Amino acid sequence: MTNIVLNVIVLAVVVAASWRVLRRMRLGPVAGAALVLCVLTMVFDTLMIAADLYVFDEDKILGVYLWGAPLEDFFYAVVAALAMPVLWTVLERRSGARAATAPAAPGAGTPGGDA
């Protein structure tokens, strides 16, 4: 299996699993975050590849590079830009729902406590 096939599968699974949350989000900030992450990926992947920190198997990649980073590496930045806001939203809702159903601590509503 090539990297691009694996990346498309992971991206499709993340989008399918988070579609209900994603469709209610403003996509401008998500796209902005994806752009920033892709620029960082391009810069740092290029530096790490130039320093021989890692090498890609030419049989597993398309051979399309942006600066010095293979195209397939940008999928991880896009997945992170989609998945992290969704995860944050879901966990925030869950935390808010849990706080709303939790019994109030004794004296929680009075400024002086249990006085």
N, C-alpha and C. Protein backbone atom coordinates (compact mmCIF):
# COMPACT_ATOMS: atom_id res chain seq x y z
N MET A 1 0.85 -1.18 0.00
CA MET A 1 0.00 0.00 0.00
C MET A 1 0.90 1.24 0.00
N THR A 2 0.57 2.17 -0.86
CA THR A 2 1.36 3.40 -0.92
C THR A 2 0.89 4.37 0.16
N ASN A 3 1.74 5.34 0.43
CA ASN A 3 1.42 6.32 1.47
C ASN A 3 0.18 7.13 1.13
N ILE A 4 0.00 7.46 -0.14
CA ILE A 4 -1.15 8.29 -0.52
C ILE A 4 -2.46 7.55 -0.28
N VAL A 5 -2.48 6.25 -0.53
CA VAL A 5 -3.70 5.45 -0.29
C VAL A 5 -4.00 5.43 1.20
N LEU A 6 -2.98 5.18 2.00
CA LEU A 6 -3.16 5.16 3.46
C LEU A 6 -3.64 6.53 3.96
N ASN A 7 -3.05 7.59 3.45
CA ASN A 7 -3.43 8.94 3.87
C ASN A 7 -4.87 9.27 3.51
N VAL A 8 -5.30 8.89 2.32
CA VAL A 8 -6.68 9.15 1.90
C VAL A 8 -7.66 8.36 2.76
N ILE A 9 -7.30 7.13 3.10
CA ILE A 9 -8.17 6.32 3.97
C ILE A 9 -8.28 6.96 5.35
N VAL A 10 -7.16 7.37 5.92
CA VAL A 10 -7.19 8.01 7.25
C VAL A 10 -7.99 9.30 7.21
N LEU A 11 -7.78 10.12 6.19
CA LEU A 11 -8.53 11.37 6.06
C LEU A 11 -10.02 11.11 5.92
N ALA A 12 -10.39 10.11 5.12
CA ALA A 12 -11.81 9.78 4.94
C ALA A 12 -12.44 9.30 6.24
N VAL A 13 -11.72 8.49 7.00
CA VAL A 13 -12.24 7.99 8.28
C VAL A 13 -12.42 9.14 9.27
N VAL A 14 -11.45 10.04 9.33
CA VAL A 14 -11.55 11.18 10.26
C VAL A 14 -12.72 12.08 9.87
N VAL A 15 -12.86 12.37 8.59
CA VAL A 15 -13.98 13.22 8.14
C VAL A 15 -15.31 12.54 8.41
N ALA A 16 -15.41 11.24 8.11
CA ALA A 16 -16.66 10.52 8.33
C ALA A 16 -17.01 10.46 9.82
N ALA A 17 -16.02 10.23 10.66
CA ALA A 17 -16.27 10.11 12.10
C ALA A 17 -16.61 11.45 12.74
N SER A 18 -16.15 12.52 12.16
CA SER A 18 -16.35 13.83 12.78
C SER A 18 -17.27 14.74 11.99
N TRP A 19 -17.96 14.21 10.99
CA TRP A 19 -18.78 15.02 10.11
C TRP A 19 -19.85 15.81 10.86
N ARG A 20 -20.49 15.19 11.84
CA ARG A 20 -21.58 15.88 12.57
C ARG A 20 -21.07 17.13 13.28
N VAL A 21 -19.86 17.08 13.79
CA VAL A 21 -19.29 18.24 14.46
C VAL A 21 -18.71 19.22 13.44
N LEU A 22 -18.03 18.70 12.43
CA LEU A 22 -17.40 19.56 11.43
C LEU A 22 -18.39 20.44 10.69
N ARG A 23 -19.56 19.92 10.37
CA ARG A 23 -20.50 20.71 9.59
C ARG A 23 -21.07 21.90 10.36
N ARG A 24 -20.96 21.90 11.68
CA ARG A 24 -21.43 23.02 12.49
C ARG A 24 -20.30 24.01 12.82
N MET A 25 -19.08 23.67 12.45
CA MET A 25 -17.94 24.54 12.77
C MET A 25 -17.74 25.57 11.67
N ARG A 26 -17.16 26.69 12.05
CA ARG A 26 -16.74 27.68 11.04
C ARG A 26 -15.46 27.14 10.41
N LEU A 27 -15.46 26.99 9.11
CA LEU A 27 -14.33 26.36 8.45
C LEU A 27 -13.16 27.31 8.19
N GLY A 28 -13.38 28.61 8.31
CA GLY A 28 -12.29 29.58 8.12
C GLY A 28 -11.13 29.35 9.08
N PRO A 29 -11.38 29.31 10.38
CA PRO A 29 -10.29 29.04 11.32
C PRO A 29 -9.64 27.67 11.13
N VAL A 30 -10.44 26.68 10.78
CA VAL A 30 -9.89 25.34 10.54
C VAL A 30 -8.98 25.36 9.32
N ALA A 31 -9.42 26.03 8.26
CA ALA A 31 -8.59 26.14 7.05
C ALA A 31 -7.32 26.93 7.33
N GLY A 32 -7.43 27.98 8.13
CA GLY A 32 -6.25 28.77 8.51
C GLY A 32 -5.24 27.94 9.28
N ALA A 33 -5.75 27.15 10.22
CA ALA A 33 -4.87 26.27 10.98
C ALA A 33 -4.21 25.23 10.08
N ALA A 34 -4.98 24.69 9.14
CA ALA A 34 -4.43 23.71 8.20
C ALA A 34 -3.33 24.34 7.35
N LEU A 35 -3.54 25.57 6.92
CA LEU A 35 -2.53 26.27 6.12
C LEU A 35 -1.24 26.48 6.92
N VAL A 36 -1.38 26.93 8.15
CA VAL A 36 -0.21 27.14 9.00
C VAL A 36 0.52 25.81 9.24
N LEU A 37 -0.22 24.76 9.54
CA LEU A 37 0.40 23.46 9.77
C LEU A 37 1.08 22.93 8.51
N CYS A 38 0.51 23.19 7.35
CA CYS A 38 1.13 22.74 6.10
C CYS A 38 2.42 23.52 5.82
N VAL A 39 2.44 24.81 6.10
CA VAL A 39 3.66 25.60 5.92
C VAL A 39 4.74 25.09 6.88
N LEU A 40 4.37 24.85 8.12
CA LEU A 40 5.35 24.31 9.08
C LEU A 40 5.85 22.94 8.66
N THR A 41 4.94 22.11 8.14
CA THR A 41 5.34 20.79 7.65
C THR A 41 6.32 20.94 6.50
N MET A 42 6.04 21.86 5.59
CA MET A 42 6.92 22.05 4.44
C MET A 42 8.32 22.47 4.88
N VAL A 43 8.39 23.40 5.81
CA VAL A 43 9.69 23.90 6.26
C VAL A 43 10.45 22.83 7.04
N PHE A 44 9.82 22.25 8.04
CA PHE A 44 10.54 21.33 8.91
C PHE A 44 10.79 19.97 8.27
N ASP A 45 9.89 19.49 7.44
CA ASP A 45 10.16 18.24 6.71
C ASP A 45 11.34 18.43 5.76
N THR A 46 11.37 19.56 5.09
CA THR A 46 12.48 19.84 4.18
C THR A 46 13.80 19.85 4.94
N LEU A 47 13.82 20.50 6.10
CA LEU A 47 15.05 20.54 6.90
C LEU A 47 15.44 19.16 7.41
N MET A 48 14.47 18.38 7.87
CA MET A 48 14.79 17.05 8.40
C MET A 48 15.23 16.09 7.30
N ILE A 49 14.65 16.21 6.13
CA ILE A 49 15.06 15.37 5.00
C ILE A 49 16.46 15.77 4.54
N ALA A 50 16.73 17.08 4.50
CA ALA A 50 18.06 17.57 4.10
C ALA A 50 19.13 17.12 5.10
N ALA A 51 18.75 17.00 6.36
CA ALA A 51 19.70 16.56 7.40
C ALA A 51 19.80 15.04 7.47
N ASP A 52 19.11 14.34 6.57
CA ASP A 52 19.11 12.87 6.54
C ASP A 52 18.59 12.25 7.83
N LEU A 53 17.63 12.91 8.46
CA LEU A 53 17.01 12.32 9.65
C LEU A 53 16.05 11.20 9.27
N TYR A 54 15.45 11.31 8.10
CA TYR A 54 14.65 10.21 7.58
C TYR A 54 14.60 10.28 6.07
N VAL A 55 14.31 9.13 5.49
CA VAL A 55 14.28 8.99 4.04
C VAL A 55 12.99 8.28 3.67
N PHE A 56 12.39 8.68 2.57
CA PHE A 56 11.16 8.05 2.10
C PHE A 56 11.47 6.99 1.06
N ASP A 57 10.77 5.89 1.13
CA ASP A 57 10.87 4.84 0.13
C ASP A 57 10.22 5.37 -1.15
N GLU A 58 10.99 5.50 -2.20
CA GLU A 58 10.50 6.07 -3.45
C GLU A 58 9.35 5.26 -4.05
N ASP A 59 9.25 3.97 -3.72
CA ASP A 59 8.17 3.14 -4.23
C ASP A 59 6.84 3.41 -3.52
N LYS A 60 6.91 4.04 -2.36
CA LYS A 60 5.71 4.26 -1.55
C LYS A 60 5.13 5.66 -1.69
N ILE A 61 5.85 6.57 -2.33
CA ILE A 61 5.36 7.94 -2.45
C ILE A 61 5.15 8.29 -3.92
N LEU A 62 4.39 9.37 -4.14
CA LEU A 62 4.10 9.80 -5.51
C LEU A 62 5.30 10.42 -6.21
N GLY A 63 6.19 11.01 -5.43
CA GLY A 63 7.33 11.70 -6.02
C GLY A 63 7.06 13.18 -6.24
N VAL A 64 5.94 13.67 -5.74
CA VAL A 64 5.61 15.09 -5.83
C VAL A 64 6.07 15.75 -4.54
N TYR A 65 6.90 16.78 -4.69
CA TYR A 65 7.47 17.45 -3.52
C TYR A 65 7.06 18.92 -3.51
N LEU A 66 6.78 19.44 -2.35
CA LEU A 66 6.58 20.87 -2.14
C LEU A 66 7.79 21.33 -1.35
N TRP A 67 8.59 22.12 -2.01
CA TRP A 67 9.91 22.50 -1.56
C TRP A 67 10.72 21.22 -1.44
N GLY A 68 10.88 20.64 -0.28
CA GLY A 68 11.59 19.37 -0.19
C GLY A 68 10.78 18.30 0.51
N ALA A 69 9.51 18.59 0.79
CA ALA A 69 8.65 17.66 1.53
C ALA A 69 7.72 16.93 0.58
N PRO A 70 7.61 15.61 0.72
CA PRO A 70 6.70 14.87 -0.15
C PRO A 70 5.24 15.24 0.13
N LEU A 71 4.45 15.22 -0.91
CA LEU A 71 3.05 15.60 -0.82
C LEU A 71 2.31 14.81 0.27
N GLU A 72 2.64 13.56 0.42
CA GLU A 72 1.93 12.71 1.39
C GLU A 72 2.05 13.19 2.82
N ASP A 73 3.13 13.88 3.16
CA ASP A 73 3.32 14.35 4.53
C ASP A 73 2.34 15.46 4.91
N PHE A 74 1.76 16.11 3.95
CA PHE A 74 0.84 17.20 4.26
C PHE A 74 -0.52 16.70 4.73
N PHE A 75 -0.83 15.45 4.45
CA PHE A 75 -2.11 14.89 4.90
C PHE A 75 -2.18 14.86 6.42
N TYR A 76 -1.05 14.60 7.08
CA TYR A 76 -1.05 14.54 8.54
C TYR A 76 -1.39 15.91 9.13
N ALA A 77 -0.90 16.97 8.52
CA ALA A 77 -1.22 18.31 8.99
C ALA A 77 -2.70 18.62 8.80
N VAL A 78 -3.25 18.21 7.67
CA VAL A 78 -4.67 18.44 7.39
C VAL A 78 -5.54 17.64 8.35
N VAL A 79 -5.18 16.38 8.58
CA VAL A 79 -5.94 15.54 9.53
C VAL A 79 -5.89 16.15 10.93
N ALA A 80 -4.72 16.61 11.35
CA ALA A 80 -4.61 17.23 12.68
C ALA A 80 -5.45 18.50 12.76
N ALA A 81 -5.44 19.31 11.69
CA ALA A 81 -6.23 20.55 11.68
C ALA A 81 -7.72 20.27 11.72
N LEU A 82 -8.16 19.14 11.22
CA LEU A 82 -9.58 18.76 11.29
C LEU A 82 -9.92 18.08 12.61
N ALA A 83 -9.08 17.15 13.02
CA ALA A 83 -9.42 16.31 14.17
C ALA A 83 -9.29 17.04 15.51
N MET A 84 -8.32 17.90 15.67
CA MET A 84 -8.12 18.54 16.98
C MET A 84 -9.27 19.48 17.36
N PRO A 85 -9.76 20.35 16.47
CA PRO A 85 -10.92 21.17 16.87
C PRO A 85 -12.17 20.33 17.14
N VAL A 86 -12.34 19.26 16.38
CA VAL A 86 -13.49 18.37 16.62
C VAL A 86 -13.36 17.72 17.99
N LEU A 87 -12.18 17.22 18.29
CA LEU A 87 -11.95 16.59 19.59
C LEU A 87 -12.15 17.60 20.72
N TRP A 88 -11.64 18.80 20.55
CA TRP A 88 -11.79 19.86 21.55
C TRP A 88 -13.28 20.15 21.77
N THR A 89 -14.04 20.28 20.70
CA THR A 89 -15.47 20.57 20.79
C THR A 89 -16.22 19.46 21.50
N VAL A 90 -15.95 18.22 21.13
CA VAL A 90 -16.64 17.08 21.74
C VAL A 90 -16.30 16.98 23.22
N LEU A 91 -15.03 17.11 23.57
CA LEU A 91 -14.64 17.02 24.98
C LEU A 91 -15.18 18.19 25.79
N GLU A 92 -15.24 19.37 25.18
CA GLU A 92 -15.79 20.53 25.88
C GLU A 92 -17.27 20.34 26.16
N ARG A 93 -18.00 19.82 25.19
CA ARG A 93 -19.43 19.54 25.39
C ARG A 93 -19.63 18.50 26.49
N ARG A 94 -18.84 17.48 26.42
CA ARG A 94 -18.96 16.40 27.42
C ARG A 94 -18.65 16.93 28.81
N SER A 95 -17.63 17.78 28.92
CA SER A 95 -17.26 18.37 30.21
C SER A 95 -18.37 19.29 30.71
N GLY A 96 -18.96 20.09 29.80
CA GLY A 96 -20.06 20.99 30.18
C GLY A 96 -21.29 20.22 30.60
N ALA A 97 -21.59 19.13 29.91
CA ALA A 97 -22.75 18.31 30.27
C ALA A 97 -22.53 17.65 31.62
N ARG A 98 -21.30 17.20 31.88
CA ARG A 98 -21.00 16.57 33.15
C ARG A 98 -21.09 17.59 34.29
N ALA A 99 -20.63 18.81 34.06
CA ALA A 99 -20.71 19.85 35.08
C ALA A 99 -22.15 20.25 35.35
N ALA A 100 -22.98 20.23 34.33
CA ALA A 100 -24.38 20.62 34.49
C ALA A 100 -25.17 19.58 35.28
N THR A 101 -24.80 18.32 35.19
CA THR A 101 -25.53 17.27 35.89
C THR A 101 -24.93 16.91 37.24
N ALA A 102 -23.76 17.44 37.55
CA ALA A 102 -23.11 17.12 38.83
C ALA A 102 -23.84 17.84 39.96
N PRO A 103 -24.00 17.17 41.11
CA PRO A 103 -24.64 17.84 42.24
C PRO A 103 -23.75 18.97 42.75
N ALA A 104 -24.38 20.05 43.18
CA ALA A 104 -23.64 21.19 43.69
C ALA A 104 -23.01 20.84 45.03
N ALA A 105 -21.81 21.34 45.25
CA ALA A 105 -21.12 21.12 46.51
C ALA A 105 -21.81 21.95 47.59
N PRO A 106 -21.80 21.47 48.83
CA PRO A 106 -22.43 22.24 49.92
C PRO A 106 -21.82 23.62 50.01
N GLY A 107 -22.65 24.63 50.08
CA GLY A 107 -22.19 26.01 50.22
C GLY A 107 -21.66 26.60 48.94
N ALA A 108 -21.83 25.93 47.81
CA ALA A 108 -21.28 26.42 46.54
C ALA A 108 -21.94 27.69 46.08
N GLY A 109 -23.20 27.91 46.47
CA GLY A 109 -23.92 29.08 46.00
C GLY A 109 -23.76 30.29 46.89
N THR A 110 -23.17 30.15 48.06
CA THR A 110 -23.03 31.27 48.97
C THR A 110 -21.60 31.76 48.98
N PRO A 111 -21.42 33.08 49.04
CA PRO A 111 -20.06 33.63 49.00
C PRO A 111 -19.19 33.20 50.17
N GLY A 112 -19.76 33.00 51.33
CA GLY A 112 -18.97 32.65 52.52
C GLY A 112 -18.87 31.17 52.77
N GLY A 113 -19.42 30.37 51.94
CA GLY A 113 -19.37 28.92 52.14
C GLY A 113 -20.52 28.48 53.00
N ASP A 114 -20.26 27.61 54.00
CA ASP A 114 -21.29 27.03 54.86
C ASP A 114 -21.55 27.85 56.11
N ALA A 115 -21.24 29.08 56.14
CA ALA A 115 -21.35 29.90 57.34
C ALA A 115 -22.66 29.88 57.95
